[in-house]
Amino acid sequence: MKNRLEEIRKKNGIKQEELAAALEVSRQTIGSLENGRYNPSIILAFKIARYFGMTIEEIFIYEEESNNEK
């Protein structure tokens, strides 16, 4: 799943460490999310969206795999 977390975080002038502390996760978790190595739990996705005053869909981009094209 792709996301705009790094872009949104930087636009708001927030460091990875600050966001991690606010969300009660490690800085490594934030880095992994931003690099697409890790998908958040639904609870963490809601926390991130609430923190930035956005919807989950504005931050995280779900793309269906196109294996089942009709």
PDB file of N, CA and C in Angstrom:
ATOM      1  N   MET A   1       0.851  -1.175   0.000  1.00  0.00           N
ATOM      2  CA  MET A   1       0.000   0.000   0.000  1.00  0.00           C
ATOM      3  C   MET A   1       0.894   1.234   0.000  1.00  0.00           C
ATOM      4  N   LYS A   2       0.599   2.160  -0.874  1.00  0.00           N
ATOM      5  CA  LYS A   2       1.359   3.399  -0.942  1.00  0.00           C
ATOM      6  C   LYS A   2       0.784   4.384   0.080  1.00  0.00           C
ATOM      7  N   ASN A   3       1.607   5.372   0.434  1.00  0.00           N
ATOM      8  CA  ASN A   3       1.101   6.397   1.331  1.00  0.00           C
ATOM      9  C   ASN A   3       1.826   7.715   1.095  1.00  0.00           C
ATOM     10  N   ARG A   4       1.220   8.777   1.617  1.00  0.00           N
ATOM     11  CA  ARG A   4       1.764  10.130   1.481  1.00  0.00           C
ATOM     12  C   ARG A   4       2.294  10.632   2.827  1.00  0.00           C
ATOM     13  N   LEU A   5       2.590   9.715   3.743  1.00  0.00           N
ATOM     14  CA  LEU A   5       2.937  10.099   5.104  1.00  0.00           C
ATOM     15  C   LEU A   5       4.143  11.024   5.161  1.00  0.00           C
ATOM     16  N   GLU A   6       5.224  10.663   4.468  1.00  0.00           N
ATOM     17  CA  GLU A   6       6.433  11.493   4.514  1.00  0.00           C
ATOM     18  C   GLU A   6       6.148  12.892   3.978  1.00  0.00           C
ATOM     19  N   GLU A   7       5.463  12.964   2.857  1.00  0.00           N
ATOM     20  CA  GLU A   7       5.116  14.258   2.245  1.00  0.00           C
ATOM     21  C   GLU A   7       4.297  15.115   3.219  1.00  0.00           C
ATOM     22  N   ILE A   8       3.291  14.519   3.841  1.00  0.00           N
ATOM     23  CA  ILE A   8       2.406  15.253   4.751  1.00  0.00           C
ATOM     24  C   ILE A   8       3.174  15.669   6.011  1.00  0.00           C
ATOM     25  N   ARG A   9       3.985  14.765   6.534  1.00  0.00           N
ATOM     26  CA  ARG A   9       4.756  15.055   7.742  1.00  0.00           C
ATOM     27  C   ARG A   9       5.704  16.229   7.496  1.00  0.00           C
ATOM     28  N   LYS A  10       6.430  16.198   6.370  1.00  0.00           N
ATOM     29  CA  LYS A  10       7.392  17.261   6.063  1.00  0.00           C
ATOM     30  C   LYS A  10       6.683  18.590   5.801  1.00  0.00           C
ATOM     31  N   LYS A  11       5.541  18.530   5.128  1.00  0.00           N
ATOM     32  CA  LYS A  11       4.776  19.745   4.839  1.00  0.00           C
ATOM     33  C   LYS A  11       4.350  20.441   6.134  1.00  0.00           C
ATOM     34  N   ASN A  12       4.124  19.636   7.172  1.00  0.00           N
ATOM     35  CA  ASN A  12       3.706  20.169   8.468  1.00  0.00           C
ATOM     36  C   ASN A  12       4.892  20.463   9.392  1.00  0.00           C
ATOM     37  N   GLY A  13       6.110  20.249   8.890  1.00  0.00           N
ATOM     38  CA  GLY A  13       7.300  20.560   9.666  1.00  0.00           C
ATOM     39  C   GLY A  13       7.479  19.686  10.892  1.00  0.00           C
ATOM     40  N   ILE A  14       7.089  18.428  10.788  1.00  0.00           N
ATOM     41  CA  ILE A  14       7.162  17.497  11.914  1.00  0.00           C
ATOM     42  C   ILE A  14       8.263  16.479  11.654  1.00  0.00           C
ATOM     43  N   LYS A  15       9.090  16.240  12.661  1.00  0.00           N
ATOM     44  CA  LYS A  15      10.156  15.247  12.543  1.00  0.00           C
ATOM     45  C   LYS A  15       9.588  13.858  12.804  1.00  0.00           C
ATOM     46  N   GLN A  16      10.276  12.854  12.272  1.00  0.00           N
ATOM     47  CA  GLN A  16       9.847  11.470  12.506  1.00  0.00           C
ATOM     48  C   GLN A  16       9.722  11.179  14.005  1.00  0.00           C
ATOM     49  N   GLU A  17      10.696  11.683  14.786  1.00  0.00           N
ATOM     50  CA  GLU A  17      10.694  11.445  16.226  1.00  0.00           C
ATOM     51  C   GLU A  17       9.458  12.045  16.894  1.00  0.00           C
ATOM     52  N   GLU A  18       9.069  13.239  16.464  1.00  0.00           N
ATOM     53  CA  GLU A  18       7.897  13.905  17.043  1.00  0.00           C
ATOM     54  C   GLU A  18       6.623  13.131  16.729  1.00  0.00           C
ATOM     55  N   LEU A  19       6.490  12.710  15.476  1.00  0.00           N
ATOM     56  CA  LEU A  19       5.303  11.957  15.075  1.00  0.00           C
ATOM     57  C   LEU A  19       5.252  10.623  15.814  1.00  0.00           C
ATOM     58  N   ALA A  20       6.400   9.958  15.923  1.00  0.00           N
ATOM     59  CA  ALA A  20       6.463   8.674  16.630  1.00  0.00           C
ATOM     60  C   ALA A  20       6.015   8.834  18.079  1.00  0.00           C
ATOM     61  N   ALA A  21       6.498   9.878  18.744  1.00  0.00           N
ATOM     62  CA  ALA A  21       6.131  10.111  20.142  1.00  0.00           C
ATOM     63  C   ALA A  21       4.628  10.368  20.281  1.00  0.00           C
ATOM     64  N   ALA A  22       4.088  11.176  19.378  1.00  0.00           N
ATOM     65  CA  ALA A  22       2.660  11.503  19.431  1.00  0.00           C
ATOM     66  C   ALA A  22       1.785  10.267  19.208  1.00  0.00           C
ATOM     67  N   LEU A  23       2.272   9.332  18.378  1.00  0.00           N
ATOM     68  CA  LEU A  23       1.499   8.137  18.040  1.00  0.00           C
ATOM     69  C   LEU A  23       1.858   6.940  18.926  1.00  0.00           C
ATOM     70  N   GLU A  24       2.848   7.133  19.808  1.00  0.00           N
ATOM     71  CA  GLU A  24       3.307   6.082  20.719  1.00  0.00           C
ATOM     72  C   GLU A  24       3.840   4.862  19.966  1.00  0.00           C
ATOM     73  N   VAL A  25       4.664   5.146  18.947  1.00  0.00           N
ATOM     74  CA  VAL A  25       5.357   4.104  18.199  1.00  0.00           C
ATOM     75  C   VAL A  25       6.831   4.529  18.089  1.00  0.00           C
ATOM     76  N   SER A  26       7.670   3.656  17.569  1.00  0.00           N
ATOM     77  CA  SER A  26       9.091   4.004  17.417  1.00  0.00           C
ATOM     78  C   SER A  26       9.313   4.834  16.154  1.00  0.00           C
ATOM     79  N   ARG A  27      10.460   5.549  16.144  1.00  0.00           N
ATOM     80  CA  ARG A  27      10.817   6.297  14.944  1.00  0.00           C
ATOM     81  C   ARG A  27      11.023   5.338  13.787  1.00  0.00           C
ATOM     82  N   GLN A  28      11.526   4.135  14.086  1.00  0.00           N
ATOM     83  CA  GLN A  28      11.739   3.139  13.039  1.00  0.00           C
ATOM     84  C   GLN A  28      10.407   2.743  12.389  1.00  0.00           C
ATOM     85  N   THR A  29       9.344   2.682  13.182  1.00  0.00           N
ATOM     86  CA  THR A  29       8.023   2.369  12.627  1.00  0.00           C
ATOM     87  C   THR A  29       7.596   3.437  11.629  1.00  0.00           C
ATOM     88  N   ILE A  30       7.813   4.701  11.977  1.00  0.00           N
ATOM     89  CA  ILE A  30       7.459   5.799  11.066  1.00  0.00           C
ATOM     90  C   ILE A  30       8.277   5.686   9.788  1.00  0.00           C
ATOM     91  N   GLY A  31       9.577   5.435   9.923  1.00  0.00           N
ATOM     92  CA  GLY A  31      10.437   5.278   8.747  1.00  0.00           C
ATOM     93  C   GLY A  31       9.988   4.129   7.867  1.00  0.00           C
ATOM     94  N   SER A  32       9.629   3.017   8.481  1.00  0.00           N
ATOM     95  CA  SER A  32       9.166   1.852   7.711  1.00  0.00           C
ATOM     96  C   SER A  32       7.851   2.137   7.002  1.00  0.00           C
ATOM     97  N   LEU A  33       6.960   2.860   7.661  1.00  0.00           N
ATOM     98  CA  LEU A  33       5.698   3.244   7.022  1.00  0.00           C
ATOM     99  C   LEU A  33       5.978   4.124   5.808  1.00  0.00           C
ATOM    100  N   GLU A  34       6.842   5.126   5.990  1.00  0.00           N
ATOM    101  CA  GLU A  34       7.126   6.060   4.908  1.00  0.00           C
ATOM    102  C   GLU A  34       7.795   5.375   3.726  1.00  0.00           C
ATOM    103  N   ASN A  35       8.602   4.365   3.988  1.00  0.00           N
ATOM    104  CA  ASN A  35       9.298   3.658   2.911  1.00  0.00           C
ATOM    105  C   ASN A  35       8.499   2.504   2.320  1.00  0.00           C
ATOM    106  N   GLY A  36       7.289   2.301   2.823  1.00  0.00           N
ATOM    107  CA  GLY A  36       6.428   1.255   2.288  1.00  0.00           C
ATOM    108  C   GLY A  36       6.825  -0.152   2.695  1.00  0.00           C
ATOM    109  N   ARG A  37       7.689  -0.268   3.708  1.00  0.00           N
ATOM    110  CA  ARG A  37       8.095  -1.601   4.176  1.00  0.00           C
ATOM    111  C   ARG A  37       7.088  -2.193   5.158  1.00  0.00           C
ATOM    112  N   TYR A  38       6.167  -1.351   5.618  1.00  0.00           N
ATOM    113  CA  TYR A  38       5.244  -1.767   6.663  1.00  0.00           C
ATOM    114  C   TYR A  38       3.909  -1.091   6.431  1.00  0.00           C
ATOM    115  N   ASN A  39       2.829  -1.852   6.533  1.00  0.00           N
ATOM    116  CA  ASN A  39       1.487  -1.287   6.465  1.00  0.00           C
ATOM    117  C   ASN A  39       0.950  -1.157   7.882  1.00  0.00           C
ATOM    118  N   PRO A  40       0.328  -0.036   8.206  1.00  0.00           N
ATOM    119  CA  PRO A  40      -0.129   0.170   9.578  1.00  0.00           C
ATOM    120  C   PRO A  40      -1.339  -0.687   9.915  1.00  0.00           C
ATOM    121  N   SER A  41      -1.489  -0.947  11.202  1.00  0.00           N
ATOM    122  CA  SER A  41      -2.740  -1.553  11.660  1.00  0.00           C
ATOM    123  C   SER A  41      -3.840  -0.526  11.416  1.00  0.00           C
ATOM    124  N   ILE A  42      -5.065  -0.967  11.417  1.00  0.00           N
ATOM    125  CA  ILE A  42      -6.177  -0.027  11.192  1.00  0.00           C
ATOM    126  C   ILE A  42      -6.212   1.012  12.311  1.00  0.00           C
ATOM    127  N   ILE A  43      -5.864   0.606  13.519  1.00  0.00           N
ATOM    128  CA  ILE A  43      -5.856   1.551  14.649  1.00  0.00           C
ATOM    129  C   ILE A  43      -4.780   2.611  14.435  1.00  0.00           C
ATOM    130  N   LEU A  44      -3.592   2.196  14.017  1.00  0.00           N
ATOM    131  CA  LEU A  44      -2.524   3.164  13.766  1.00  0.00           C
ATOM    132  C   LEU A  44      -2.880   4.076  12.596  1.00  0.00           C
ATOM    133  N   ALA A  45      -3.497   3.536  11.572  1.00  0.00           N
ATOM    134  CA  ALA A  45      -3.924   4.363  10.438  1.00  0.00           C
ATOM    135  C   ALA A  45      -4.906   5.441  10.896  1.00  0.00           C
ATOM    136  N   PHE A  46      -5.850   5.071  11.772  1.00  0.00           N
ATOM    137  CA  PHE A  46      -6.801   6.053  12.312  1.00  0.00           C
ATOM    138  C   PHE A  46      -6.076   7.103  13.148  1.00  0.00           C
ATOM    139  N   LYS A  47      -5.099   6.680  13.963  1.00  0.00           N
ATOM    140  CA  LYS A  47      -4.349   7.626  14.797  1.00  0.00           C
ATOM    141  C   LYS A  47      -3.593   8.633  13.932  1.00  0.00           C
ATOM    142  N   ILE A  48      -2.970   8.137  12.854  1.00  0.00           N
ATOM    143  CA  ILE A  48      -2.224   9.015  11.951  1.00  0.00           C
ATOM    144  C   ILE A  48      -3.172  10.014  11.292  1.00  0.00           C
ATOM    145  N   ALA A  49      -4.285   9.519  10.790  1.00  0.00           N
ATOM    146  CA  ALA A  49      -5.260  10.398  10.128  1.00  0.00           C
ATOM    147  C   ALA A  49      -5.788  11.450  11.096  1.00  0.00           C
ATOM    148  N   ARG A  50      -6.117  11.045  12.308  1.00  0.00           N
ATOM    149  CA  ARG A  50      -6.635  11.978  13.313  1.00  0.00           C
ATOM    150  C   ARG A  50      -5.566  13.017  13.669  1.00  0.00           C
ATOM    151  N   TYR A  51      -4.323  12.583  13.793  1.00  0.00           N
ATOM    152  CA  TYR A  51      -3.224  13.493  14.139  1.00  0.00           C
ATOM    153  C   TYR A  51      -3.122  14.630  13.126  1.00  0.00           C
ATOM    154  N   PHE A  52      -3.251  14.299  11.849  1.00  0.00           N
ATOM    155  CA  PHE A  52      -3.124  15.308  10.793  1.00  0.00           C
ATOM    156  C   PHE A  52      -4.464  15.945  10.416  1.00  0.00           C
ATOM    157  N   GLY A  53      -5.560  15.509  11.018  1.00  0.00           N
ATOM    158  CA  GLY A  53      -6.871  16.066  10.683  1.00  0.00           C
ATOM    159  C   GLY A  53      -7.295  15.718   9.271  1.00  0.00           C
ATOM    160  N   MET A  54      -6.943  14.504   8.856  1.00  0.00           N
ATOM    161  CA  MET A  54      -7.250  14.048   7.497  1.00  0.00           C
ATOM    162  C   MET A  54      -7.990  12.717   7.569  1.00  0.00           C
ATOM    163  N   THR A  55      -8.453  12.245   6.418  1.00  0.00           N
ATOM    164  CA  THR A  55      -9.041  10.906   6.362  1.00  0.00           C
ATOM    165  C   THR A  55      -7.934   9.899   6.050  1.00  0.00           C
ATOM    166  N   ILE A  56      -8.188   8.658   6.378  1.00  0.00           N
ATOM    167  CA  ILE A  56      -7.220   7.602   6.065  1.00  0.00           C
ATOM    168  C   ILE A  56      -6.950   7.574   4.563  1.00  0.00           C
ATOM    169  N   GLU A  57      -7.999   7.750   3.758  1.00  0.00           N
ATOM    170  CA  GLU A  57      -7.861   7.691   2.307  1.00  0.00           C
ATOM    171  C   GLU A  57      -6.996   8.812   1.749  1.00  0.00           C
ATOM    172  N   GLU A  58      -6.906   9.935   2.462  1.00  0.00           N
ATOM    173  CA  GLU A  58      -6.060  11.039   2.003  1.00  0.00           C
ATOM    174  C   GLU A  58      -4.576  10.735   2.226  1.00  0.00           C
ATOM    175  N   ILE A  59      -4.285   9.820   3.139  1.00  0.00           N
ATOM    176  CA  ILE A  59      -2.894   9.498   3.482  1.00  0.00           C
ATOM    177  C   ILE A  59      -2.442   8.187   2.854  1.00  0.00           C
ATOM    178  N   PHE A  60      -3.300   7.187   2.919  1.00  0.00           N
ATOM    179  CA  PHE A  60      -2.946   5.854   2.444  1.00  0.00           C
ATOM    180  C   PHE A  60      -3.690   5.542   1.153  1.00  0.00           C
ATOM    181  N   ILE A  61      -2.956   5.064   0.161  1.00  0.00           N
ATOM    182  CA  ILE A  61      -3.530   4.782  -1.157  1.00  0.00           C
ATOM    183  C   ILE A  61      -3.561   3.274  -1.376  1.00  0.00           C
ATOM    184  N   TYR A  62      -4.752   2.725  -1.395  1.00  0.00           N
ATOM    185  CA  TYR A  62      -4.907   1.283  -1.627  1.00  0.00           C
ATOM    186  C   TYR A  62      -5.121   1.060  -3.103  1.00  0.00           C
ATOM    187  N   GLU A  63      -4.297   0.201  -3.680  1.00  0.00           N
ATOM    188  CA  GLU A  63      -4.434  -0.119  -5.102  1.00  0.00           C
ATOM    189  C   GLU A  63      -4.700  -1.608  -5.242  1.00  0.00           C
ATOM    190  N   GLU A  64      -5.806  -1.934  -5.860  1.00  0.00           N
ATOM    191  CA  GLU A  64      -6.134  -3.340  -6.084  1.00  0.00           C
ATOM    192  C   GLU A  64      -5.159  -3.901  -7.108  1.00  0.00           C
ATOM    193  N   GLU A  65      -4.809  -5.150  -6.918  1.00  0.00           N
ATOM    194  CA  GLU A  65      -3.933  -5.787  -7.895  1.00  0.00           C
ATOM    195  C   GLU A  65      -4.749  -6.055  -9.148  1.00  0.00           C
ATOM    196  N   SER A  66      -4.136  -5.876 -10.297  1.00  0.00           N
ATOM    197  CA  SER A  66      -4.867  -5.995 -11.552  1.00  0.00           C
ATOM    198  C   SER A  66      -4.751  -7.385 -12.169  1.00  0.00           C
ATOM    199  N   ASN A  67      -4.621  -8.405 -11.334  1.00  0.00           N
ATOM    200  CA  ASN A  67      -4.530  -9.780 -11.830  1.00  0.00           C
ATOM    201  C   ASN A  67      -5.875 -10.304 -12.341  1.00  0.00           C
ATOM    202  N   ASN A  68      -6.947  -9.746 -11.818  1.00  0.00           N
ATOM    203  CA  ASN A  68      -8.287 -10.271 -12.139  1.00  0.00           C
ATOM    204  C   ASN A  68      -9.018  -9.373 -13.128  1.00  0.00           C
ATOM    205  N   GLU A  69      -8.341  -8.877 -14.129  1.00  0.00           N
ATOM    206  CA  GLU A  69      -8.994  -8.016 -15.098  1.00  0.00           C
ATOM    207  C   GLU A  69      -9.995  -8.830 -15.925  1.00  0.00           C
ATOM    208  N   LYS A  70     -11.139  -8.211 -16.179  1.00  0.00           N
ATOM    209  CA  LYS A  70     -12.206  -8.915 -16.925  1.00  0.00           C
ATOM    210  C   LYS A  70     -12.280  -8.382 -18.337  1.00  0.00           C
TER     211      LYS A  70
END
